[in-house]
N, C-alpha and C. Protein backbone atom coordinates (compact mmCIF):
# COMPACT_ATOMS: atom_id res chain seq x y z
N MET A 1 51.66 14.44 -15.72
CA MET A 1 50.47 14.70 -15.61
C MET A 1 49.44 13.68 -16.56
N GLY A 2 48.81 12.90 -15.52
CA GLY A 2 48.08 11.74 -16.36
C GLY A 2 46.89 12.18 -16.69
N LYS A 3 46.15 11.22 -17.55
CA LYS A 3 45.18 11.38 -18.04
C LYS A 3 43.82 11.39 -16.82
N VAL A 4 42.78 12.36 -16.66
CA VAL A 4 41.77 12.44 -15.84
C VAL A 4 40.66 11.47 -15.98
N HIS A 5 40.10 11.61 -17.05
CA HIS A 5 38.76 11.00 -17.13
C HIS A 5 38.46 10.19 -18.36
N GLY A 6 39.28 9.66 -19.08
CA GLY A 6 39.02 8.87 -20.12
C GLY A 6 38.61 9.74 -21.48
N SER A 7 38.66 8.97 -22.23
CA SER A 7 38.44 9.41 -23.93
C SER A 7 36.84 9.86 -23.96
N LEU A 8 36.59 10.50 -24.87
CA LEU A 8 35.38 11.12 -25.35
C LEU A 8 34.56 9.96 -26.22
N ALA A 9 35.22 9.03 -26.75
CA ALA A 9 34.53 7.67 -27.09
C ALA A 9 33.75 7.05 -26.35
N ARG A 10 33.97 6.96 -25.25
CA ARG A 10 33.45 6.15 -24.01
C ARG A 10 32.17 6.91 -23.29
N ALA A 11 32.03 8.16 -23.98
CA ALA A 11 30.64 9.03 -23.27
C ALA A 11 29.84 8.45 -23.09
N GLY A 12 28.89 8.32 -22.45
CA GLY A 12 27.57 7.90 -22.59
C GLY A 12 27.16 6.23 -22.59
N LYS A 13 28.49 5.46 -22.24
CA LYS A 13 28.36 4.38 -22.50
C LYS A 13 27.24 3.58 -21.77
N VAL A 14 27.19 3.58 -20.16
CA VAL A 14 26.39 2.95 -19.37
C VAL A 14 24.84 3.35 -19.51
N LYS A 15 24.60 4.72 -19.79
CA LYS A 15 23.39 4.93 -20.34
C LYS A 15 22.64 4.48 -21.32
N GLY A 16 23.60 4.32 -22.66
CA GLY A 16 23.29 3.63 -23.77
C GLY A 16 23.26 2.20 -23.87
N GLN A 17 23.72 1.57 -22.88
CA GLN A 17 23.49 -0.12 -22.68
C GLN A 17 22.53 -0.43 -21.72
N THR A 18 21.82 0.31 -20.91
CA THR A 18 20.74 0.07 -19.97
C THR A 18 19.75 -0.30 -20.65
N PRO A 19 18.89 -1.29 -20.37
CA PRO A 19 17.45 -1.49 -21.05
C PRO A 19 16.32 -0.33 -20.74
N LYS A 20 15.61 0.03 -21.55
CA LYS A 20 14.93 1.32 -21.50
C LYS A 20 13.55 0.79 -20.96
N VAL A 21 13.26 1.37 -19.90
CA VAL A 21 12.04 1.15 -18.99
C VAL A 21 10.71 1.95 -19.17
N GLU A 22 9.99 1.37 -19.22
CA GLU A 22 8.63 2.50 -19.65
C GLU A 22 8.39 3.23 -18.20
N ALA A 23 7.82 4.28 -18.55
CA ALA A 23 7.52 5.35 -17.56
C ALA A 23 6.20 4.94 -16.85
N GLN A 24 6.16 4.79 -15.48
CA GLN A 24 5.03 4.51 -14.64
C GLN A 24 3.85 5.42 -14.52
N GLU A 25 2.65 5.20 -14.50
CA GLU A 25 1.59 6.09 -14.65
C GLU A 25 1.75 6.70 -13.15
N ASP A 26 1.44 8.09 -13.06
CA ASP A 26 1.57 9.13 -11.70
C ASP A 26 0.52 8.43 -10.74
N LYS A 27 0.93 8.08 -9.56
CA LYS A 27 0.08 7.97 -8.42
C LYS A 27 -0.20 9.33 -7.67
N LYS A 28 -1.29 9.19 -7.12
CA LYS A 28 -1.68 10.39 -6.51
C LYS A 28 -0.73 10.62 -5.36
N LYS A 29 -0.04 11.70 -4.88
CA LYS A 29 1.00 11.85 -4.14
C LYS A 29 0.39 11.97 -2.77
N MET A 30 1.07 11.68 -1.79
CA MET A 30 0.73 11.56 -0.02
C MET A 30 0.84 12.95 0.09
N PRO A 31 -0.35 13.37 0.97
CA PRO A 31 -0.55 14.63 1.47
C PRO A 31 0.94 15.02 2.48
N ARG A 32 1.16 16.31 2.63
CA ARG A 32 2.72 16.39 3.30
C ARG A 32 2.45 17.50 4.29
N GLY A 33 3.37 17.43 5.15
CA GLY A 33 3.02 18.50 6.71
C GLY A 33 1.74 18.11 7.43
N ARG A 34 1.23 19.57 7.30
CA ARG A 34 -0.13 19.36 8.18
C ARG A 34 -1.37 18.20 7.71
N ALA A 35 -1.39 18.24 6.38
CA ALA A 35 -2.33 17.28 5.83
C ALA A 35 -2.09 15.95 6.19
N LYS A 36 -0.76 15.55 6.06
CA LYS A 36 -0.57 14.12 6.72
C LYS A 36 -0.78 13.99 8.00
N LYS A 37 -0.35 14.67 8.95
CA LYS A 37 -0.86 14.52 10.09
C LYS A 37 -2.28 14.48 10.50
N ARG A 38 -3.41 15.37 9.77
CA ARG A 38 -4.70 15.45 9.89
C ARG A 38 -5.03 13.96 9.33
N LEU A 39 -4.53 13.45 7.98
CA LEU A 39 -4.95 12.13 7.74
C LEU A 39 -4.47 11.03 8.81
N GLN A 40 -3.24 10.85 9.51
CA GLN A 40 -3.26 9.83 10.46
C GLN A 40 -4.10 10.15 11.66
N TYR A 41 -4.26 11.28 12.06
CA TYR A 41 -5.25 11.37 13.21
C TYR A 41 -6.47 10.92 12.97
N ASN A 42 -7.04 11.07 11.70
CA ASN A 42 -8.49 10.78 11.19
C ASN A 42 -8.34 9.13 11.10
N ARG A 43 -7.32 8.57 10.68
CA ARG A 43 -7.25 7.14 10.59
C ARG A 43 -7.20 6.42 11.77
N ARG A 44 -6.09 7.13 12.68
CA ARG A 44 -6.18 6.45 14.07
C ARG A 44 -7.09 6.48 15.21
N TYR A 45 -7.48 7.78 14.92
CA TYR A 45 -8.85 7.97 16.23
C TYR A 45 -10.01 8.41 16.02
N VAL A 46 -10.23 8.86 14.87
CA VAL A 46 -11.55 9.38 14.54
C VAL A 46 -12.44 8.09 14.13
N ASN A 47 -12.44 7.54 13.13
CA ASN A 47 -12.82 6.33 12.72
C ASN A 47 -12.24 5.18 12.68
N VAL A 48 -12.13 4.60 14.22
CA VAL A 48 -11.40 3.70 14.59
C VAL A 48 -11.97 2.14 14.05
N VAL A 49 -11.38 1.23 13.80
CA VAL A 49 -11.91 0.00 13.18
C VAL A 49 -11.48 -0.88 14.24
N THR A 50 -12.68 -1.47 14.83
CA THR A 50 -12.45 -2.41 16.11
C THR A 50 -12.62 -4.20 15.26
N GLY A 51 -11.75 -4.87 15.92
CA GLY A 51 -11.83 -6.38 15.44
C GLY A 51 -12.63 -7.03 16.14
N MET A 52 -12.08 -8.56 16.33
CA MET A 52 -12.82 -9.59 17.51
C MET A 52 -12.48 -8.91 18.81
N GLY A 53 -13.35 -9.08 19.84
CA GLY A 53 -13.22 -8.93 21.22
C GLY A 53 -13.19 -7.52 21.41
N GLY A 54 -13.55 -6.43 20.28
CA GLY A 54 -13.68 -4.93 20.65
C GLY A 54 -12.12 -4.24 20.53
N ARG A 55 -11.16 -5.23 20.31
CA ARG A 55 -9.82 -4.54 20.22
C ARG A 55 -9.89 -3.63 18.91
N LYS A 56 -8.97 -2.76 19.11
CA LYS A 56 -8.25 -1.77 18.04
C LYS A 56 -7.66 -2.70 16.88
N VAL A 57 -7.75 -2.72 15.72
CA VAL A 57 -6.89 -3.41 14.37
C VAL A 57 -6.04 -2.48 14.23
N GLY A 58 -4.83 -2.99 13.99
CA GLY A 58 -3.66 -2.76 13.55
C GLY A 58 -3.57 -2.15 12.16
N PRO A 59 -2.47 -1.37 11.68
CA PRO A 59 -2.66 -0.78 10.67
C PRO A 59 -2.36 -1.84 9.41
N ASN A 60 -1.48 -2.78 9.45
CA ASN A 60 -1.24 -3.86 8.83
C ASN A 60 -1.76 -5.08 8.89
N SER A 61 -3.16 -4.81 9.64
CA SER A 61 -4.05 -6.08 9.64
C SER A 61 -5.09 -6.26 8.62
N ASN A 62 -5.08 -7.53 8.23
CA ASN A 62 -6.38 -7.92 7.12
C ASN A 62 -7.49 -8.09 7.44
N ALA A 63 -7.56 -8.00 8.82
CA ALA A 63 -9.28 -8.41 9.71
C ALA A 63 -10.21 -7.63 8.71
N ASP A 64 -10.22 -6.42 8.15
CA ASP A 64 -11.51 -5.63 7.43
C ASP A 64 -11.67 -6.49 6.09
N LYS A 65 -10.59 -7.18 5.64
CA LYS A 65 -10.62 -7.77 4.19
C LYS A 65 -11.44 -8.85 4.38
N MET A 66 -11.23 -9.63 5.33
CA MET A 66 -11.81 -11.31 5.97
C MET A 66 -13.29 -11.19 5.95
N THR A 67 -13.94 -11.49 5.04
CA THR A 67 -15.48 -11.70 4.91
C THR A 67 -16.03 -13.08 4.78
């Protein structure tokens, strides 16, 4: 029968040598389920942003930031 898991002297080796990263400040969580669908509906159909020529502006467009 061979050794299965290595010696206890090496326990925690990787965790000990990884650099410490500061915890990030908590962002506001996105709504889930019904509330997320409601947000999508309002964003897409209720307050529709129109660009040049009366066309609908896509979600990744920077047209609303152009002044």
